[in-house]
Amino acid sequence: MKWILLCLSCLFAPTLAATELVVRFADESHKNVSLKTIESTLPLDSFTTHLPWLDGPHTFSGVKVTDLLDYLGVSDVGSVSFVALNDYASSTQIKDILDYEPIIAYHLNGKKMKVRNKGPFWLVFNLDKYPEINNQIYYTQMVWQIDEVLIHEAP
């Protein structure tokens, strides 16, 4: 019976852990922010856009990166890195975050995103609203299956 419980806990542990973001700061401290906290505390932002990985337009809902930074009380940011469950990472300059307002999406077409469909968190830019960023440079920044956010100070 112990082995069955151990196997089940190993199977479901990634799903449970994936419902929170670990935010790491320049001073090497960190804060865990649960999806429940994000949903209940931060404003919801939504948009519909086309992405190269999906057919047709889809509606993404989540929190603006700027709202998350405000909630965390972070200022003097130079860039933000997003790290996926598989350790893929990409950084976005604060200028792009301010200019293009990407969101950390946790709903896709009104449903909570799961790991198997690029969730639980996916950095998404609105490519329909900002066609000038519909290119490979910004595609590489749209990290899915995010579990860590790294805040880098301005130089």
C-alpha atoms as a PDB file:
ATOM      1  CA  MET A   1       0.000   0.000   0.000  1.00  0.00           C
ATOM      2  CA  LYS A   2       2.903   2.350   0.802  1.00  0.00           C
ATOM      3  CA  TRP A   3       4.277   1.899  -2.701  1.00  0.00           C
ATOM      4  CA  ILE A   4       0.951   2.750  -4.288  1.00  0.00           C
ATOM      5  CA  LEU A   5       0.658   5.946  -2.244  1.00  0.00           C
ATOM      6  CA  LEU A   6       4.252   6.869  -3.038  1.00  0.00           C
ATOM      7  CA  CYS A   7       3.686   6.315  -6.773  1.00  0.00           C
ATOM      8  CA  LEU A   8       0.474   8.334  -6.716  1.00  0.00           C
ATOM      9  CA  SER A   9       2.127  11.200  -4.851  1.00  0.00           C
ATOM     10  CA  CYS A  10       4.969  11.241  -7.394  1.00  0.00           C
ATOM     11  CA  LEU A  11       2.458  11.242 -10.212  1.00  0.00           C
ATOM     12  CA  PHE A  12       0.434  14.173  -8.850  1.00  0.00           C
ATOM     13  CA  ALA A  13       3.226  16.210  -7.235  1.00  0.00           C
ATOM     14  CA  PRO A  14       4.165  18.069 -10.435  1.00  0.00           C
ATOM     15  CA  THR A  15       0.522  19.084 -10.915  1.00  0.00           C
ATOM     16  CA  LEU A  16       0.254  20.402  -7.374  1.00  0.00           C
ATOM     17  CA  ALA A  17       3.577  22.251  -7.500  1.00  0.00           C
ATOM     18  CA  ALA A  18       2.765  23.676 -10.911  1.00  0.00           C
ATOM     19  CA  THR A  19      -0.082  25.769  -9.516  1.00  0.00           C
ATOM     20  CA  GLU A  20       2.291  28.303  -8.045  1.00  0.00           C
ATOM     21  CA  LEU A  21       5.001  30.551  -9.356  1.00  0.00           C
ATOM     22  CA  VAL A  22       8.332  30.856  -7.623  1.00  0.00           C
ATOM     23  CA  VAL A  23       9.440  34.463  -8.020  1.00  0.00           C
ATOM     24  CA  ARG A  24      13.155  35.037  -7.472  1.00  0.00           C
ATOM     25  CA  PHE A  25      14.515  38.508  -6.810  1.00  0.00           C
ATOM     26  CA  ALA A  26      17.892  40.080  -7.528  1.00  0.00           C
ATOM     27  CA  ASP A  27      18.828  39.903  -3.812  1.00  0.00           C
ATOM     28  CA  GLU A  28      18.436  36.103  -4.062  1.00  0.00           C
ATOM     29  CA  SER A  29      15.275  36.040  -1.966  1.00  0.00           C
ATOM     30  CA  HIS A  30      12.143  34.436  -3.356  1.00  0.00           C
ATOM     31  CA  LYS A  31       8.394  34.356  -2.923  1.00  0.00           C
ATOM     32  CA  ASN A  32       5.945  31.627  -3.858  1.00  0.00           C
ATOM     33  CA  VAL A  33       2.748  33.006  -5.382  1.00  0.00           C
ATOM     34  CA  SER A  34      -0.120  30.558  -5.744  1.00  0.00           C
ATOM     35  CA  LEU A  35      -2.602  30.581  -8.581  1.00  0.00           C
ATOM     36  CA  LYS A  36      -5.313  31.064  -5.961  1.00  0.00           C
ATOM     37  CA  THR A  37      -3.587  34.269  -4.764  1.00  0.00           C
ATOM     38  CA  ILE A  38      -3.123  35.503  -8.327  1.00  0.00           C
ATOM     39  CA  GLU A  39      -6.787  34.875  -9.155  1.00  0.00           C
ATOM     40  CA  SER A  40      -8.136  36.466  -5.989  1.00  0.00           C
ATOM     41  CA  THR A  41      -5.747  39.426  -5.669  1.00  0.00           C
ATOM     42  CA  LEU A  42      -4.619  40.590  -9.098  1.00  0.00           C
ATOM     43  CA  PRO A  43      -6.726  42.032 -11.919  1.00  0.00           C
ATOM     44  CA  LEU A  44      -7.644  39.658 -14.724  1.00  0.00           C
ATOM     45  CA  ASP A  45      -6.653  40.690 -18.231  1.00  0.00           C
ATOM     46  CA  SER A  46      -7.833  38.928 -21.392  1.00  0.00           C
ATOM     47  CA  PHE A  47      -7.278  39.153 -25.106  1.00  0.00           C
ATOM     48  CA  THR A  48      -7.830  37.095 -28.216  1.00  0.00           C
ATOM     49  CA  THR A  49      -4.918  36.544 -30.549  1.00  0.00           C
ATOM     50  CA  HIS A  50      -3.371  34.156 -33.056  1.00  0.00           C
ATOM     51  CA  LEU A  51      -0.205  32.299 -32.034  1.00  0.00           C
ATOM     52  CA  PRO A  52       2.048  30.203 -34.266  1.00  0.00           C
ATOM     53  CA  TRP A  53       1.561  27.071 -32.125  1.00  0.00           C
ATOM     54  CA  LEU A  54      -2.245  27.030 -32.269  1.00  0.00           C
ATOM     55  CA  ASP A  55      -4.760  27.023 -35.102  1.00  0.00           C
ATOM     56  CA  GLY A  56      -7.015  30.069 -35.259  1.00  0.00           C
ATOM     57  CA  PRO A  57      -7.557  32.759 -32.653  1.00  0.00           C
ATOM     58  CA  HIS A  58      -7.691  31.874 -28.961  1.00  0.00           C
ATOM     59  CA  THR A  59      -8.601  33.847 -25.866  1.00  0.00           C
ATOM     60  CA  PHE A  60      -5.988  34.056 -23.128  1.00  0.00           C
ATOM     61  CA  SER A  61      -6.712  35.308 -19.623  1.00  0.00           C
ATOM     62  CA  GLY A  62      -4.256  35.981 -16.859  1.00  0.00           C
ATOM     63  CA  VAL A  63      -2.303  38.670 -15.084  1.00  0.00           C
ATOM     64  CA  LYS A  64      -0.281  41.401 -16.743  1.00  0.00           C
ATOM     65  CA  VAL A  65       3.390  41.086 -15.894  1.00  0.00           C
ATOM     66  CA  THR A  66       3.299  44.742 -14.776  1.00  0.00           C
ATOM     67  CA  ASP A  67       0.479  43.966 -12.315  1.00  0.00           C
ATOM     68  CA  LEU A  68       2.486  41.069 -10.875  1.00  0.00           C
ATOM     69  CA  LEU A  69       5.539  43.331 -10.454  1.00  0.00           C
ATOM     70  CA  ASP A  70       3.371  45.971  -8.744  1.00  0.00           C
ATOM     71  CA  TYR A  71       1.861  43.346  -6.431  1.00  0.00           C
ATOM     72  CA  LEU A  72       5.350  42.176  -5.484  1.00  0.00           C
ATOM     73  CA  GLY A  73       6.451  45.761  -4.820  1.00  0.00           C
ATOM     74  CA  VAL A  74       9.283  45.492  -7.312  1.00  0.00           C
ATOM     75  CA  SER A  75      10.718  48.604  -8.928  1.00  0.00           C
ATOM     76  CA  ASP A  76      13.902  49.328 -10.861  1.00  0.00           C
ATOM     77  CA  VAL A  77      13.451  46.250 -13.052  1.00  0.00           C
ATOM     78  CA  GLY A  78      15.677  45.778 -16.087  1.00  0.00           C
ATOM     79  CA  SER A  79      14.243  42.498 -17.341  1.00  0.00           C
ATOM     80  CA  VAL A  80      12.195  39.514 -16.287  1.00  0.00           C
ATOM     81  CA  SER A  81      13.087  35.913 -17.076  1.00  0.00           C
ATOM     82  CA  PHE A  82      10.508  33.168 -17.306  1.00  0.00           C
ATOM     83  CA  VAL A  83      11.593  29.583 -16.650  1.00  0.00           C
ATOM     84  CA  ALA A  84       9.594  26.543 -17.756  1.00  0.00           C
ATOM     85  CA  LEU A  85       9.182  23.213 -16.019  1.00  0.00           C
ATOM     86  CA  ASN A  86      11.717  21.752 -18.481  1.00  0.00           C
ATOM     87  CA  ASP A  87      14.194  24.587 -17.631  1.00  0.00           C
ATOM     88  CA  TYR A  88      13.706  26.430 -20.943  1.00  0.00           C
ATOM     89  CA  ALA A  89      14.090  30.113 -20.097  1.00  0.00           C
ATOM     90  CA  SER A  90      13.807  33.425 -21.857  1.00  0.00           C
ATOM     91  CA  SER A  91      14.138  37.039 -20.741  1.00  0.00           C
ATOM     92  CA  THR A  92      11.964  39.985 -21.660  1.00  0.00           C
ATOM     93  CA  GLN A  93      13.217  43.542 -21.321  1.00  0.00           C
ATOM     94  CA  ILE A  94      11.119  45.837 -19.137  1.00  0.00           C
ATOM     95  CA  LYS A  95      10.607  48.178 -22.112  1.00  0.00           C
ATOM     96  CA  ASP A  96       8.845  45.367 -24.004  1.00  0.00           C
ATOM     97  CA  ILE A  97       6.798  44.485 -20.917  1.00  0.00           C
ATOM     98  CA  LEU A  98       5.650  48.107 -20.612  1.00  0.00           C
ATOM     99  CA  ASP A  99       5.104  48.634 -24.359  1.00  0.00           C
ATOM    100  CA  TYR A 100       3.382  45.343 -25.267  1.00  0.00           C
ATOM    101  CA  GLU A 101       1.697  44.351 -21.981  1.00  0.00           C
ATOM    102  CA  PRO A 102       2.206  40.568 -22.055  1.00  0.00           C
ATOM    103  CA  ILE A 103       0.218  38.477 -19.636  1.00  0.00           C
ATOM    104  CA  ILE A 104       1.027  35.395 -17.667  1.00  0.00           C
ATOM    105  CA  ALA A 105      -1.967  33.432 -18.887  1.00  0.00           C
ATOM    106  CA  TYR A 106      -3.571  30.709 -16.814  1.00  0.00           C
ATOM    107  CA  HIS A 107      -6.825  30.367 -18.770  1.00  0.00           C
ATOM    108  CA  LEU A 108      -7.095  29.391 -22.421  1.00  0.00           C
ATOM    109  CA  ASN A 109     -10.542  29.890 -23.934  1.00  0.00           C
ATOM    110  CA  GLY A 110     -12.045  30.153 -20.444  1.00  0.00           C
ATOM    111  CA  LYS A 111     -10.508  26.952 -19.065  1.00  0.00           C
ATOM    112  CA  LYS A 112      -7.641  26.597 -16.630  1.00  0.00           C
ATOM    113  CA  MET A 113      -4.511  25.609 -18.477  1.00  0.00           C
ATOM    114  CA  LYS A 114      -2.978  22.272 -17.634  1.00  0.00           C
ATOM    115  CA  VAL A 115       0.629  21.191 -18.095  1.00  0.00           C
ATOM    116  CA  ARG A 116      -0.333  19.022 -21.052  1.00  0.00           C
ATOM    117  CA  ASN A 117      -1.645  22.090 -22.923  1.00  0.00           C
ATOM    118  CA  LYS A 118       1.135  24.565 -22.146  1.00  0.00           C
ATOM    119  CA  GLY A 119      -0.051  25.487 -18.654  1.00  0.00           C
ATOM    120  CA  PRO A 120      -0.374  26.172 -15.878  1.00  0.00           C
ATOM    121  CA  PHE A 121       1.208  29.527 -16.815  1.00  0.00           C
ATOM    122  CA  TRP A 122       2.155  30.831 -20.263  1.00  0.00           C
ATOM    123  CA  LEU A 123       3.699  34.214 -21.078  1.00  0.00           C
ATOM    124  CA  VAL A 124       1.659  35.509 -24.013  1.00  0.00           C
ATOM    125  CA  PHE A 125       1.965  38.635 -26.134  1.00  0.00           C
ATOM    126  CA  ASN A 126      -1.044  39.918 -28.094  1.00  0.00           C
ATOM    127  CA  LEU A 127       0.325  39.450 -31.614  1.00  0.00           C
ATOM    128  CA  ASP A 128      -2.914  40.631 -33.229  1.00  0.00           C
ATOM    129  CA  LYS A 129      -2.811  43.958 -31.372  1.00  0.00           C
ATOM    130  CA  TYR A 130       0.942  44.409 -31.962  1.00  0.00           C
ATOM    131  CA  PRO A 131       1.735  42.880 -35.389  1.00  0.00           C
ATOM    132  CA  GLU A 132       5.243  44.390 -35.276  1.00  0.00           C
ATOM    133  CA  ILE A 133       6.205  41.759 -32.695  1.00  0.00           C
ATOM    134  CA  ASN A 134       4.810  38.826 -34.660  1.00  0.00           C
ATOM    135  CA  ASN A 135       8.276  37.384 -35.227  1.00  0.00           C
ATOM    136  CA  GLN A 136      10.779  34.828 -33.958  1.00  0.00           C
ATOM    137  CA  ILE A 137      12.330  37.209 -31.417  1.00  0.00           C
ATOM    138  CA  TYR A 138       9.064  37.452 -29.498  1.00  0.00           C
ATOM    139  CA  TYR A 139       8.028  33.846 -30.112  1.00  0.00           C
ATOM    140  CA  THR A 140      11.082  32.694 -28.144  1.00  0.00           C
ATOM    141  CA  GLN A 141      10.002  34.878 -25.217  1.00  0.00           C
ATOM    142  CA  MET A 142       6.556  33.270 -24.938  1.00  0.00           C
ATOM    143  CA  VAL A 143       7.542  30.603 -22.446  1.00  0.00           C
ATOM    144  CA  TRP A 144       4.883  28.069 -21.542  1.00  0.00           C
ATOM    145  CA  GLN A 145       4.691  25.760 -18.527  1.00  0.00           C
ATOM    146  CA  ILE A 146       6.235  28.541 -16.436  1.00  0.00           C
ATOM    147  CA  ASP A 147       7.107  27.688 -12.865  1.00  0.00           C
ATOM    148  CA  GLU A 148       9.694  30.378 -12.071  1.00  0.00           C
ATOM    149  CA  VAL A 149       9.950  34.106 -12.662  1.00  0.00           C
ATOM    150  CA  LEU A 150      13.304  35.821 -12.174  1.00  0.00           C
ATOM    151  CA  ILE A 151      13.379  39.575 -11.599  1.00  0.00           C
ATOM    152  CA  HIS A 152      16.564  41.311 -12.784  1.00  0.00           C
ATOM    153  CA  GLU A 153      17.467  44.808 -11.639  1.00  0.00           C
ATOM    154  CA  ALA A 154      18.018  47.617 -14.117  1.00  0.00           C
ATOM    155  CA  PRO A 155      21.706  48.110 -14.921  1.00  0.00           C
END
